[in-house]
């Protein structure tokens, strides 16, 4: 027999969670608009991914709001609505959408780690954990479609909730740790503006990973403390929007600061190179060996390719050339030039 709890810990928790969800969906919508406005030349598959995630977020938001309307308006005053004795179908759809968006975002980050490192081991493990979460979320959604109370879902299928959230948190931690390791490895052989740029990339990586993994940990802690208290499910309602916003934040911060970064060329030596130039004709022998870059680096890195200023268009500011390994693409390095006066910190 579940203990008596106040409506603040049942419907109140779900209501607060739905409000936060709507707010985060608005933020994600603005980020989506900003993405298409600022990155019109991104690869087609990346644009389709952004559109797909946004459409999934529309479905998720609509599902949660439909379920909340049923509990707070259609069933207003009913004793069963306070305890959510029958979870609305909208909540089942929200679980399904959440189980789709999360693994897709984690798979994108796993691919990003593979592009950065060229090592498939950790990305494969992260992808497997994300796939396990998708399967578990599909099973959980099927139970809610069958008609079950939130109390029973929390207790009888608690092991499934733990498994899904743990798999997602594990994937996030592996991705964050892996990308941080590879970026720190590049930092060990870099200096100057290159080091500042890598520090920025490392900060974004850690922040994103912490937000995702800690969200899952908080849900697990709230559920473990009191499964009959619905605050854990209230946070779960906007957990999907956290994933979507983290993805869009990563995509929208590739322009570190306006014209800070320009992709110049691909080098044949796989290491980070720092080169300074303040006179257009200087180091011309070095640049003569550069091959023009034909591939946009929009799928794996945090910096967007920019067209190089043509010689004779004016004096060029001192630059630092940064090379990132691209083993997965079949070519050695990608060089990025960073103006010395740009403030990256």
C-alpha atoms as a PDB file:
ATOM      1  CA  UNK A   1       0.000   0.000   0.000  1.00  0.00           C
ATOM      2  CA  UNK A   2       1.627   3.257  -1.062  1.00  0.00           C
ATOM      3  CA  UNK A   3       1.931   5.874   1.688  1.00  0.00           C
ATOM      4  CA  UNK A   4      -0.209   8.974   1.620  1.00  0.00           C
ATOM      5  CA  UNK A   5       1.584  11.905   0.066  1.00  0.00           C
ATOM      6  CA  UNK A   6       0.555  15.464  -0.639  1.00  0.00           C
ATOM      7  CA  UNK A   7      -0.608  16.611  -4.025  1.00  0.00           C
ATOM      8  CA  UNK A   8       2.514  18.769  -4.174  1.00  0.00           C
ATOM      9  CA  UNK A   9       4.573  15.584  -4.464  1.00  0.00           C
ATOM     10  CA  UNK A  10       2.277  13.938  -7.018  1.00  0.00           C
ATOM     11  CA  UNK A  11       0.452  16.159  -9.502  1.00  0.00           C
ATOM     12  CA  UNK A  12       2.488  19.149  -8.350  1.00  0.00           C
ATOM     13  CA  UNK A  13       5.749  17.440  -9.257  1.00  0.00           C
ATOM     14  CA  UNK A  14       4.421  16.485 -12.685  1.00  0.00           C
ATOM     15  CA  UNK A  15       3.090  20.001 -13.271  1.00  0.00           C
ATOM     16  CA  UNK A  16       6.423  21.624 -12.435  1.00  0.00           C
ATOM     17  CA  UNK A  17       8.217  19.126 -14.667  1.00  0.00           C
ATOM     18  CA  UNK A  18       5.904  19.930 -17.569  1.00  0.00           C
ATOM     19  CA  UNK A  19       6.507  23.674 -17.134  1.00  0.00           C
ATOM     20  CA  UNK A  20      10.265  23.201 -17.242  1.00  0.00           C
ATOM     21  CA  UNK A  21       9.814  20.949 -20.284  1.00  0.00           C
ATOM     22  CA  UNK A  22       7.894  23.647 -22.178  1.00  0.00           C
ATOM     23  CA  UNK A  23      10.546  26.236 -21.333  1.00  0.00           C
ATOM     24  CA  UNK A  24      13.390  23.989 -22.509  1.00  0.00           C
ATOM     25  CA  UNK A  25      11.465  23.148 -25.675  1.00  0.00           C
ATOM     26  CA  UNK A  26      11.249  26.870 -26.402  1.00  0.00           C
ATOM     27  CA  UNK A  27      15.002  27.194 -25.896  1.00  0.00           C
ATOM     28  CA  UNK A  28      15.598  24.226 -28.196  1.00  0.00           C
ATOM     29  CA  UNK A  29      13.342  25.760 -30.856  1.00  0.00           C
ATOM     30  CA  UNK A  30      15.313  29.017 -30.733  1.00  0.00           C
ATOM     31  CA  UNK A  31      18.561  27.066 -31.008  1.00  0.00           C
ATOM     32  CA  UNK A  32      17.199  25.184 -34.015  1.00  0.00           C
ATOM     33  CA  UNK A  33      16.299  28.443 -35.748  1.00  0.00           C
ATOM     34  CA  UNK A  34      19.716  29.853 -34.893  1.00  0.00           C
ATOM     35  CA  UNK A  35      21.404  26.743 -36.281  1.00  0.00           C
ATOM     36  CA  UNK A  36      19.758  26.949 -39.697  1.00  0.00           C
ATOM     37  CA  UNK A  37      20.388  30.684 -39.876  1.00  0.00           C
ATOM     38  CA  UNK A  38      24.080  30.473 -39.041  1.00  0.00           C
ATOM     39  CA  UNK A  39      25.051  27.129 -40.570  1.00  0.00           C
ATOM     40  CA  UNK A  40      23.257  26.966 -43.943  1.00  0.00           C
ATOM     41  CA  UNK A  41      26.111  24.994 -45.529  1.00  0.00           C
ATOM     42  CA  UNK A  42      26.170  22.110 -43.072  1.00  0.00           C
ATOM     43  CA  UNK A  43      25.971  18.596 -44.417  1.00  0.00           C
ATOM     44  CA  UNK A  44      22.519  17.320 -45.356  1.00  0.00           C
ATOM     45  CA  UNK A  45      22.528  14.451 -42.860  1.00  0.00           C
ATOM     46  CA  UNK A  46      23.286  16.870 -40.029  1.00  0.00           C
ATOM     47  CA  UNK A  47      20.435  19.160 -41.050  1.00  0.00           C
ATOM     48  CA  UNK A  48      18.083  16.177 -41.224  1.00  0.00           C
ATOM     49  CA  UNK A  49      19.234  15.108 -37.756  1.00  0.00           C
ATOM     50  CA  UNK A  50      18.412  18.537 -36.328  1.00  0.00           C
ATOM     51  CA  UNK A  51      14.981  18.540 -37.990  1.00  0.00           C
ATOM     52  CA  UNK A  52      14.259  15.009 -36.758  1.00  0.00           C
ATOM     53  CA  UNK A  53      15.196  15.871 -33.166  1.00  0.00           C
ATOM     54  CA  UNK A  54      13.025  18.990 -33.266  1.00  0.00           C
ATOM     55  CA  UNK A  55      10.042  17.035 -34.608  1.00  0.00           C
ATOM     56  CA  UNK A  56      10.542  14.440 -31.880  1.00  0.00           C
ATOM     57  CA  UNK A  57      10.559  17.245 -29.325  1.00  0.00           C
ATOM     58  CA  UNK A  58       7.256  18.527 -30.700  1.00  0.00           C
ATOM     59  CA  UNK A  59       5.780  15.053 -30.270  1.00  0.00           C
ATOM     60  CA  UNK A  60       7.232  14.716 -26.769  1.00  0.00           C
ATOM     61  CA  UNK A  61       5.952  18.112 -25.625  1.00  0.00           C
ATOM     62  CA  UNK A  62       2.499  17.481 -27.072  1.00  0.00           C
ATOM     63  CA  UNK A  63       2.316  14.056 -25.415  1.00  0.00           C
ATOM     64  CA  UNK A  64       3.217  15.352 -21.960  1.00  0.00           C
ATOM     65  CA  UNK A  65       0.829  18.303 -22.166  1.00  0.00           C
ATOM     66  CA  UNK A  66      -1.973  16.003 -23.324  1.00  0.00           C
ATOM     67  CA  UNK A  67      -1.357  13.713 -20.352  1.00  0.00           C
ATOM     68  CA  UNK A  68      -1.266  16.632 -17.926  1.00  0.00           C
ATOM     69  CA  UNK A  69      -4.530  18.015 -19.334  1.00  0.00           C
ATOM     70  CA  UNK A  70      -6.178  14.648 -18.741  1.00  0.00           C
ATOM     71  CA  UNK A  71      -4.966  14.491 -15.133  1.00  0.00           C
ATOM     72  CA  UNK A  72      -5.609  18.101 -14.142  1.00  0.00           C
ATOM     73  CA  UNK A  73      -8.721  18.992 -16.176  1.00  0.00           C
ATOM     74  CA  UNK A  74     -10.588  15.973 -17.539  1.00  0.00           C
ATOM     75  CA  UNK A  75     -10.141  13.960 -14.325  1.00  0.00           C
ATOM     76  CA  UNK A  76     -10.189  16.943 -11.982  1.00  0.00           C
ATOM     77  CA  UNK A  77     -11.417  15.956  -8.534  1.00  0.00           C
ATOM     78  CA  UNK A  78     -11.060  12.240  -9.160  1.00  0.00           C
ATOM     79  CA  UNK A  79      -9.134  10.480  -6.354  1.00  0.00           C
ATOM     80  CA  UNK A  80      -7.344   8.290  -8.872  1.00  0.00           C
ATOM     81  CA  UNK A  81      -5.954  11.303 -10.729  1.00  0.00           C
ATOM     82  CA  UNK A  82      -4.040  12.443  -7.657  1.00  0.00           C
ATOM     83  CA  UNK A  83      -2.184   9.125  -7.462  1.00  0.00           C
ATOM     84  CA  UNK A  84      -2.107   8.735 -11.265  1.00  0.00           C
ATOM     85  CA  UNK A  85      -3.725   5.308 -10.935  1.00  0.00           C
ATOM     86  CA  UNK A  86      -3.808   5.044 -14.717  1.00  0.00           C
ATOM     87  CA  UNK A  87      -0.957   6.709 -16.549  1.00  0.00           C
ATOM     88  CA  UNK A  88      -2.237   8.665 -19.570  1.00  0.00           C
ATOM     89  CA  UNK A  89      -1.381   7.437 -23.038  1.00  0.00           C
ATOM     90  CA  UNK A  90       0.449  10.715 -23.544  1.00  0.00           C
ATOM     91  CA  UNK A  91       2.970   9.670 -20.901  1.00  0.00           C
ATOM     92  CA  UNK A  92       3.560   6.426 -22.772  1.00  0.00           C
ATOM     93  CA  UNK A  93       4.343   8.364 -25.930  1.00  0.00           C
ATOM     94  CA  UNK A  94       6.614  10.699 -23.972  1.00  0.00           C
ATOM     95  CA  UNK A  95       8.628   7.714 -22.704  1.00  0.00           C
ATOM     96  CA  UNK A  96       8.921   6.432 -26.266  1.00  0.00           C
ATOM     97  CA  UNK A  97      10.079   9.816 -27.581  1.00  0.00           C
ATOM     98  CA  UNK A  98      12.550  10.122 -24.714  1.00  0.00           C
ATOM     99  CA  UNK A  99      13.909   6.658 -25.441  1.00  0.00           C
ATOM    100  CA  UNK A 100      14.486   7.706 -29.054  1.00  0.00           C
ATOM    101  CA  UNK A 101      15.975  11.188 -28.691  1.00  0.00           C
ATOM    102  CA  UNK A 102      18.457  10.249 -25.961  1.00  0.00           C
ATOM    103  CA  UNK A 103      20.114   7.349 -27.820  1.00  0.00           C
ATOM    104  CA  UNK A 104      20.247   9.357 -31.068  1.00  0.00           C
ATOM    105  CA  UNK A 105      22.091  12.202 -29.343  1.00  0.00           C
ATOM    106  CA  UNK A 106      24.413   9.744 -27.593  1.00  0.00           C
ATOM    107  CA  UNK A 107      25.116   8.010 -30.906  1.00  0.00           C
ATOM    108  CA  UNK A 108      26.002  11.391 -32.434  1.00  0.00           C
ATOM    109  CA  UNK A 109      28.443  12.117 -29.616  1.00  0.00           C
ATOM    110  CA  UNK A 110      29.903   8.614 -29.945  1.00  0.00           C
ATOM    111  CA  UNK A 111      30.467   9.238 -33.662  1.00  0.00           C
ATOM    112  CA  UNK A 112      32.072  12.546 -32.762  1.00  0.00           C
ATOM    113  CA  UNK A 113      34.460  10.796 -30.401  1.00  0.00           C
ATOM    114  CA  UNK A 114      35.348   8.296 -33.143  1.00  0.00           C
ATOM    115  CA  UNK A 115      36.060  11.128 -35.584  1.00  0.00           C
ATOM    116  CA  UNK A 116      38.291  12.818 -33.018  1.00  0.00           C
ATOM    117  CA  UNK A 117      40.234   9.732 -31.963  1.00  0.00           C
ATOM    118  CA  UNK A 118      40.052   7.248 -34.826  1.00  0.00           C
ATOM    119  CA  UNK A 119      39.673   4.523 -32.165  1.00  0.00           C
ATOM    120  CA  UNK A 120      36.414   2.513 -32.392  1.00  0.00           C
ATOM    121  CA  UNK A 121      36.459   0.772 -28.988  1.00  0.00           C
ATOM    122  CA  UNK A 122      34.918   3.415 -26.712  1.00  0.00           C
ATOM    123  CA  UNK A 123      32.433   4.690 -29.337  1.00  0.00           C
ATOM    124  CA  UNK A 124      31.167   1.130 -29.879  1.00  0.00           C
ATOM    125  CA  UNK A 125      30.654   0.624 -26.134  1.00  0.00           C
ATOM    126  CA  UNK A 126      28.794   3.938 -25.863  1.00  0.00           C
ATOM    127  CA  UNK A 127      26.663   3.077 -28.889  1.00  0.00           C
ATOM    128  CA  UNK A 128      25.759  -0.322 -27.393  1.00  0.00           C
ATOM    129  CA  UNK A 129      24.702   1.309 -24.115  1.00  0.00           C
ATOM    130  CA  UNK A 130      22.593   3.846 -26.020  1.00  0.00           C
ATOM    131  CA  UNK A 131      20.962   1.009 -27.987  1.00  0.00           C
ATOM    132  CA  UNK A 132      20.211  -0.860 -24.750  1.00  0.00           C
ATOM    133  CA  UNK A 133      18.538   2.249 -23.406  1.00  0.00           C
ATOM    134  CA  UNK A 134      16.397   2.503 -26.532  1.00  0.00           C
ATOM    135  CA  UNK A 135      15.238  -1.108 -26.182  1.00  0.00           C
ATOM    136  CA  UNK A 136      14.491  -0.668 -22.479  1.00  0.00           C
ATOM    137  CA  UNK A 137      12.544   2.542 -23.080  1.00  0.00           C
ATOM    138  CA  UNK A 138      10.450   0.823 -25.747  1.00  0.00           C
ATOM    139  CA  UNK A 139       9.554  -1.955 -23.292  1.00  0.00           C
ATOM    140  CA  UNK A 140       8.693   0.590 -20.589  1.00  0.00           C
ATOM    141  CA  UNK A 141       6.458   2.522 -22.989  1.00  0.00           C
ATOM    142  CA  UNK A 142       4.603  -0.683 -23.899  1.00  0.00           C
ATOM    143  CA  UNK A 143       3.782  -1.250 -20.222  1.00  0.00           C
ATOM    144  CA  UNK A 144       2.353   2.243 -19.900  1.00  0.00           C
ATOM    145  CA  UNK A 145       0.305   1.773 -23.082  1.00  0.00           C
ATOM    146  CA  UNK A 146      -1.227  -1.271 -21.377  1.00  0.00           C
ATOM    147  CA  UNK A 147      -2.590   0.876 -18.560  1.00  0.00           C
ATOM    148  CA  UNK A 148      -0.648   0.944 -15.300  1.00  0.00           C
ATOM    149  CA  UNK A 149      -0.485   3.257 -12.320  1.00  0.00           C
ATOM    150  CA  UNK A 150       2.565   5.418 -11.791  1.00  0.00           C
ATOM    151  CA  UNK A 151       3.101   3.699  -8.429  1.00  0.00           C
ATOM    152  CA  UNK A 152       3.153   0.244 -10.030  1.00  0.00           C
ATOM    153  CA  UNK A 153       5.344   1.473 -12.858  1.00  0.00           C
ATOM    154  CA  UNK A 154       7.763   2.873 -10.297  1.00  0.00           C
ATOM    155  CA  UNK A 155       7.905  -0.284  -8.161  1.00  0.00           C
ATOM    156  CA  UNK A 156       7.213  -3.297 -10.401  1.00  0.00           C
ATOM    157  CA  UNK A 157       9.292  -1.983 -13.278  1.00  0.00           C
ATOM    158  CA  UNK A 158      11.794  -0.063 -11.218  1.00  0.00           C
ATOM    159  CA  UNK A 159      14.605  -2.364 -12.332  1.00  0.00           C
ATOM    160  CA  UNK A 160      13.886  -1.426 -15.940  1.00  0.00           C
ATOM    161  CA  UNK A 161      13.984   2.277 -15.121  1.00  0.00           C
ATOM    162  CA  UNK A 162      17.292   1.793 -13.330  1.00  0.00           C
ATOM    163  CA  UNK A 163      18.723  -0.175 -16.254  1.00  0.00           C
ATOM    164  CA  UNK A 164      17.706   2.436 -18.850  1.00  0.00           C
ATOM    165  CA  UNK A 165      18.949   5.416 -16.873  1.00  0.00           C
ATOM    166  CA  UNK A 166      22.160   3.639 -15.877  1.00  0.00           C
ATOM    167  CA  UNK A 167      22.873   2.689 -19.489  1.00  0.00           C
ATOM    168  CA  UNK A 168      22.309   6.280 -20.590  1.00  0.00           C
ATOM    169  CA  UNK A 169      24.485   7.681 -17.811  1.00  0.00           C
ATOM    170  CA  UNK A 170      27.192   5.129 -18.616  1.00  0.00           C
ATOM    171  CA  UNK A 171      27.194   6.132 -22.277  1.00  0.00           C
ATOM    172  CA  UNK A 172      27.401   9.821 -21.355  1.00  0.00           C
ATOM    173  CA  UNK A 173      30.293   9.236 -18.951  1.00  0.00           C
ATOM    174  CA  UNK A 174      32.222   7.137 -21.486  1.00  0.00           C
ATOM    175  CA  UNK A 175      31.739   9.750 -24.206  1.00  0.00           C
ATOM    176  CA  UNK A 176      32.749  12.617 -21.928  1.00  0.00           C
ATOM    177  CA  UNK A 177      35.782  10.805 -20.535  1.00  0.00           C
ATOM    178  CA  UNK A 178      36.877   9.623 -23.980  1.00  0.00           C
ATOM    179  CA  UNK A 179      36.628  13.015 -25.668  1.00  0.00           C
ATOM    180  CA  UNK A 180      38.303  14.702 -22.699  1.00  0.00           C
ATOM    181  CA  UNK A 181      41.188  12.233 -22.862  1.00  0.00           C
ATOM    182  CA  UNK A 182      41.768  12.752 -26.575  1.00  0.00           C
ATOM    183  CA  UNK A 183      41.579  16.537 -26.247  1.00  0.00           C
ATOM    184  CA  UNK A 184      44.009  16.473 -23.300  1.00  0.00           C
ATOM    185  CA  UNK A 185      46.336  14.340 -25.397  1.00  0.00           C
ATOM    186  CA  UNK A 186      46.349  17.035 -28.057  1.00  0.00           C
ATOM    187  CA  UNK A 187      46.935  19.702 -25.390  1.00  0.00           C
ATOM    188  CA  UNK A 188      50.123  17.966 -24.270  1.00  0.00           C
ATOM    189  CA  UNK A 189      51.783  18.861 -27.591  1.00  0.00           C
ATOM    190  CA  UNK A 190      50.246  22.296 -28.126  1.00  0.00           C
ATOM    191  CA  UNK A 191      50.844  25.832 -26.881  1.00  0.00           C
ATOM    192  CA  UNK A 192      49.729  29.422 -27.310  1.00  0.00           C
ATOM    193  CA  UNK A 193      46.421  30.050 -29.055  1.00  0.00           C
ATOM    194  CA  UNK A 194      46.171  26.363 -29.869  1.00  0.00           C
ATOM    195  CA  UNK A 195      46.043  25.597 -26.152  1.00  0.00           C
ATOM    196  CA  UNK A 196      43.295  28.155 -25.585  1.00  0.00           C
ATOM    197  CA  UNK A 197      41.193  26.678 -28.361  1.00  0.00           C
ATOM    198  CA  UNK A 198      41.599  23.166 -26.975  1.00  0.00           C
ATOM    199  CA  UNK A 199      40.685  24.434 -23.502  1.00  0.00           C
ATOM    200  CA  UNK A 200      37.449  25.818 -24.938  1.00  0.00           C
ATOM    201  CA  UNK A 201      36.614  22.535 -26.662  1.00  0.00           C
ATOM    202  CA  UNK A 202      37.423  20.606 -23.490  1.00  0.00           C
ATOM    203  CA  UNK A 203      35.188  22.854 -21.389  1.00  0.00           C
ATOM    204  CA  UNK A 204      32.235  22.350 -23.751  1.00  0.00           C
ATOM    205  CA  UNK A 205      32.764  18.592 -23.707  1.00  0.00           C
ATOM    206  CA  UNK A 206      32.870  18.311 -19.924  1.00  0.00           C
ATOM    207  CA  UNK A 207      29.904  20.633 -19.386  1.00  0.00           C
ATOM    208  CA  UNK A 208      27.710  18.719 -21.828  1.00  0.00           C
ATOM    209  CA  UNK A 209      28.649  15.343 -20.396  1.00  0.00           C
ATOM    210  CA  UNK A 210      28.086  16.449 -16.807  1.00  0.00           C
ATOM    211  CA  UNK A 211      24.638  17.873 -17.559  1.00  0.00           C
ATOM    212  CA  UNK A 212      23.485  14.651 -19.229  1.00  0.00           C
ATOM    213  CA  UNK A 213      24.998  12.168 -16.787  1.00  0.00           C
ATOM    214  CA  UNK A 214      24.040  14.111 -13.644  1.00  0.00           C
ATOM    215  CA  UNK A 215      20.441  14.427 -14.846  1.00  0.00           C
ATOM    216  CA  UNK A 216      20.185  10.638 -14.957  1.00  0.00           C
ATOM    217  CA  UNK A 217      21.884  10.320 -11.560  1.00  0.00           C
ATOM    218  CA  UNK A 218      19.465  12.816  -9.964  1.00  0.00           C
ATOM    219  CA  UNK A 219      16.465  10.906 -11.322  1.00  0.00           C
ATOM    220  CA  UNK A 220      17.875   7.655  -9.936  1.00  0.00           C
ATOM    221  CA  UNK A 221      18.548   9.217  -6.523  1.00  0.00           C
ATOM    222  CA  UNK A 222      15.051  10.673  -6.260  1.00  0.00           C
ATOM    223  CA  UNK A 223      13.504   7.379  -7.300  1.00  0.00           C
ATOM    224  CA  UNK A 224      15.665   5.389  -4.874  1.00  0.00           C
ATOM    225  CA  UNK A 225      14.866   7.734  -1.987  1.00  0.00           C
ATOM    226  CA  UNK A 226      11.084   7.537  -2.403  1.00  0.00           C
ATOM    227  CA  UNK A 227       9.580   5.788  -5.427  1.00  0.00           C
ATOM    228  CA  UNK A 228       6.074   6.938  -4.380  1.00  0.00           C
ATOM    229  CA  UNK A 229       7.159  10.551  -4.653  1.00  0.00           C
ATOM    230  CA  UNK A 230       6.680  11.639  -8.271  1.00  0.00           C
ATOM    231  CA  UNK A 231       9.486  14.197  -8.422  1.00  0.00           C
ATOM    232  CA  UNK A 232      11.687  11.671 -10.180  1.00  0.00           C
ATOM    233  CA  UNK A 233       9.141  11.380 -12.988  1.00  0.00           C
ATOM    234  CA  UNK A 234       8.686  15.151 -13.048  1.00  0.00           C
ATOM    235  CA  UNK A 235      12.377  15.553 -13.870  1.00  0.00           C
ATOM    236  CA  UNK A 236      12.157  12.696 -16.354  1.00  0.00           C
ATOM    237  CA  UNK A 237       9.489  14.658 -18.249  1.00  0.00           C
ATOM    238  CA  UNK A 238      12.061  17.271 -19.331  1.00  0.00           C
ATOM    239  CA  UNK A 239      15.035  14.894 -19.512  1.00  0.00           C
ATOM    240  CA  UNK A 240      14.541  14.620 -23.280  1.00  0.00           C
ATOM    241  CA  UNK A 241      14.743  18.392 -23.727  1.00  0.00           C
ATOM    242  CA  UNK A 242      18.073  18.367 -21.886  1.00  0.00           C
ATOM    243  CA  UNK A 243      19.465  15.985 -24.522  1.00  0.00           C
ATOM    244  CA  UNK A 244      18.141  18.077 -27.407  1.00  0.00           C
ATOM    245  CA  UNK A 245      19.523  21.318 -25.981  1.00  0.00           C
ATOM    246  CA  UNK A 246      22.937  19.769 -25.352  1.00  0.00           C
ATOM    247  CA  UNK A 247      23.080  18.635 -28.974  1.00  0.00           C
ATOM    248  CA  UNK A 248      22.078  22.037 -30.307  1.00  0.00           C
ATOM    249  CA  UNK A 249      24.516  23.796 -27.977  1.00  0.00           C
ATOM    250  CA  UNK A 250      27.381  21.707 -29.336  1.00  0.00           C
ATOM    251  CA  UNK A 251      26.356  22.417 -32.927  1.00  0.00           C
ATOM    252  CA  UNK A 252      25.829  26.139 -32.374  1.00  0.00           C
ATOM    253  CA  UNK A 253      29.116  26.786 -30.557  1.00  0.00           C
ATOM    254  CA  UNK A 254      31.325  25.627 -33.412  1.00  0.00           C
ATOM    255  CA  UNK A 255      31.964  29.254 -34.275  1.00  0.00           C
ATOM    256  CA  UNK A 256      34.135  29.983 -31.303  1.00  0.00           C
ATOM    257  CA  UNK A 257      33.966  33.745 -31.793  1.00  0.00           C
ATOM    258  CA  UNK A 258      32.877  35.222 -35.084  1.00  0.00           C
ATOM    259  CA  UNK A 259      35.788  34.901 -37.499  1.00  0.00           C
ATOM    260  CA  UNK A 260      38.095  33.283 -34.971  1.00  0.00           C
ATOM    261  CA  UNK A 261      38.644  30.040 -36.858  1.00  0.00           C
ATOM    262  CA  UNK A 262      39.360  29.277 -40.489  1.00  0.00           C
ATOM    263  CA  UNK A 263      40.047  25.872 -41.873  1.00  0.00           C
ATOM    264  CA  UNK A 264      43.081  26.362 -44.083  1.00  0.00           C
ATOM    265  CA  UNK A 265      44.354  23.049 -45.296  1.00  0.00           C
ATOM    266  CA  UNK A 266      45.165  19.414 -44.668  1.00  0.00           C
ATOM    267  CA  UNK A 267      48.696  18.604 -43.662  1.00  0.00           C
ATOM    268  CA  UNK A 268      50.534  15.400 -44.263  1.00  0.00           C
ATOM    269  CA  UNK A 269      52.100  15.238 -40.784  1.00  0.00           C
ATOM    270  CA  UNK A 270      49.676  13.999 -38.080  1.00  0.00           C
ATOM    271  CA  UNK A 271      50.404  16.451 -35.264  1.00  0.00           C
ATOM    272  CA  UNK A 272      49.345  19.852 -34.019  1.00  0.00           C
ATOM    273  CA  UNK A 273      51.258  22.660 -35.708  1.00  0.00           C
ATOM    274  CA  UNK A 274      51.608  26.226 -34.469  1.00  0.00           C
ATOM    275  CA  UNK A 275      52.583  28.811 -37.048  1.00  0.00           C
ATOM    276  CA  UNK A 276      52.607  32.604 -36.858  1.00  0.00           C
ATOM    277  CA  UNK A 277      52.206  34.978 -39.757  1.00  0.00           C
ATOM    278  CA  UNK A 278      51.644  38.720 -39.801  1.00  0.00           C
ATOM    279  CA  UNK A 279      52.817  39.469 -43.375  1.00  0.00           C
ATOM    280  CA  UNK A 280      50.867  38.016 -46.340  1.00  0.00           C
ATOM    281  CA  UNK A 281      53.998  36.849 -48.115  1.00  0.00           C
ATOM    282  CA  UNK A 282      55.619  35.317 -45.085  1.00  0.00           C
ATOM    283  CA  UNK A 283      55.980  31.541 -44.813  1.00  0.00           C
ATOM    284  CA  UNK A 284      54.750  31.321 -48.388  1.00  0.00           C
ATOM    285  CA  UNK A 285      56.906  28.261 -48.976  1.00  0.00           C
ATOM    286  CA  UNK A 286      55.086  26.473 -46.175  1.00  0.00           C
ATOM    287  CA  UNK A 287      51.668  27.428 -47.471  1.00  0.00           C
ATOM    288  CA  UNK A 288      52.504  26.409 -51.005  1.00  0.00           C
ATOM    289  CA  UNK A 289      52.446  22.779 -49.890  1.00  0.00           C
ATOM    290  CA  UNK A 290      48.913  23.056 -48.501  1.00  0.00           C
ATOM    291  CA  UNK A 291      46.135  21.392 -50.417  1.00  0.00           C
ATOM    292  CA  UNK A 292      42.735  23.128 -50.500  1.00  0.00           C
ATOM    293  CA  UNK A 293      40.195  21.703 -48.089  1.00  0.00           C
ATOM    294  CA  UNK A 294      37.179  20.319 -49.900  1.00  0.00           C
ATOM    295  CA  UNK A 295      35.303  18.724 -46.978  1.00  0.00           C
ATOM    296  CA  UNK A 296      33.393  20.718 -44.416  1.00  0.00           C
ATOM    297  CA  UNK A 297      34.261  19.740 -40.856  1.00  0.00           C
ATOM    298  CA  UNK A 298      30.748  20.048 -39.508  1.00  0.00           C
ATOM    299  CA  UNK A 299      30.172  16.568 -38.176  1.00  0.00           C
ATOM    300  CA  UNK A 300      32.985  16.005 -35.737  1.00  0.00           C
ATOM    301  CA  UNK A 301      34.587  19.201 -34.569  1.00  0.00           C
ATOM    302  CA  UNK A 302      33.498  22.275 -32.649  1.00  0.00           C
ATOM    303  CA  UNK A 303      34.815  24.782 -35.134  1.00  0.00           C
ATOM    304  CA  UNK A 304      33.247  25.727 -38.428  1.00  0.00           C
ATOM    305  CA  UNK A 305      35.230  25.976 -41.679  1.00  0.00           C
ATOM    306  CA  UNK A 306      35.573  29.553 -42.853  1.00  0.00           C
ATOM    307  CA  UNK A 307      36.768  30.840 -46.260  1.00  0.00           C
ATOM    308  CA  UNK A 308      40.354  32.039 -46.211  1.00  0.00           C
ATOM    309  CA  UNK A 309      41.049  35.703 -46.873  1.00  0.00           C
ATOM    310  CA  UNK A 310      42.684  36.051 -50.260  1.00  0.00           C
ATOM    311  CA  UNK A 311      46.213  37.519 -50.469  1.00  0.00           C
ATOM    312  CA  UNK A 312      46.153  41.202 -51.193  1.00  0.00           C
ATOM    313  CA  UNK A 313      42.854  41.824 -49.439  1.00  0.00           C
ATOM    314  CA  UNK A 314      44.696  43.574 -46.629  1.00  0.00           C
ATOM    315  CA  UNK A 315      47.209  42.864 -43.878  1.00  0.00           C
ATOM    316  CA  UNK A 316      46.594  39.593 -42.070  1.00  0.00           C
ATOM    317  CA  UNK A 317      46.672  39.299 -38.315  1.00  0.00           C
ATOM    318  CA  UNK A 318      49.023  36.861 -36.575  1.00  0.00           C
ATOM    319  CA  UNK A 319      47.577  33.356 -36.716  1.00  0.00           C
ATOM    320  CA  UNK A 320      47.955  30.032 -34.980  1.00  0.00           C
ATOM    321  CA  UNK A 321      47.428  26.924 -37.109  1.00  0.00           C
ATOM    322  CA  UNK A 322      45.804  24.031 -35.260  1.00  0.00           C
ATOM    323  CA  UNK A 323      45.727  20.510 -36.710  1.00  0.00           C
ATOM    324  CA  UNK A 324      43.292  17.826 -35.576  1.00  0.00           C
ATOM    325  CA  UNK A 325      43.686  14.173 -36.606  1.00  0.00           C
ATOM    326  CA  UNK A 326      40.985  12.867 -38.922  1.00  0.00           C
ATOM    327  CA  UNK A 327      41.885   9.189 -39.126  1.00  0.00           C
ATOM    328  CA  UNK A 328      38.282   8.137 -39.684  1.00  0.00           C
ATOM    329  CA  UNK A 329      38.101  10.250 -42.831  1.00  0.00           C
ATOM    330  CA  UNK A 330      41.161   8.776 -44.443  1.00  0.00           C
ATOM    331  CA  UNK A 331      43.252  11.924 -44.397  1.00  0.00           C
ATOM    332  CA  UNK A 332      45.810  13.036 -41.870  1.00  0.00           C
ATOM    333  CA  UNK A 333      45.194  16.381 -40.282  1.00  0.00           C
ATOM    334  CA  UNK A 334      42.915  19.359 -40.514  1.00  0.00           C
ATOM    335  CA  UNK A 335      44.507  22.721 -39.848  1.00  0.00           C
ATOM    336  CA  UNK A 336      42.629  25.588 -38.256  1.00  0.00           C
ATOM    337  CA  UNK A 337      43.995  29.124 -38.166  1.00  0.00           C
ATOM    338  CA  UNK A 338      43.188  31.281 -35.144  1.00  0.00           C
ATOM    339  CA  UNK A 339      43.906  35.037 -35.157  1.00  0.00           C
ATOM    340  CA  UNK A 340      46.226  35.906 -32.281  1.00  0.00           C
ATOM    341  CA  UNK A 341      44.203  38.876 -31.101  1.00  0.00           C
ATOM    342  CA  UNK A 342      40.997  36.837 -30.745  1.00  0.00           C
ATOM    343  CA  UNK A 343      39.924  36.289 -27.153  1.00  0.00           C
ATOM    344  CA  UNK A 344      39.077  32.617 -26.786  1.00  0.00           C
ATOM    345  CA  UNK A 345      39.149  32.417 -23.016  1.00  0.00           C
END
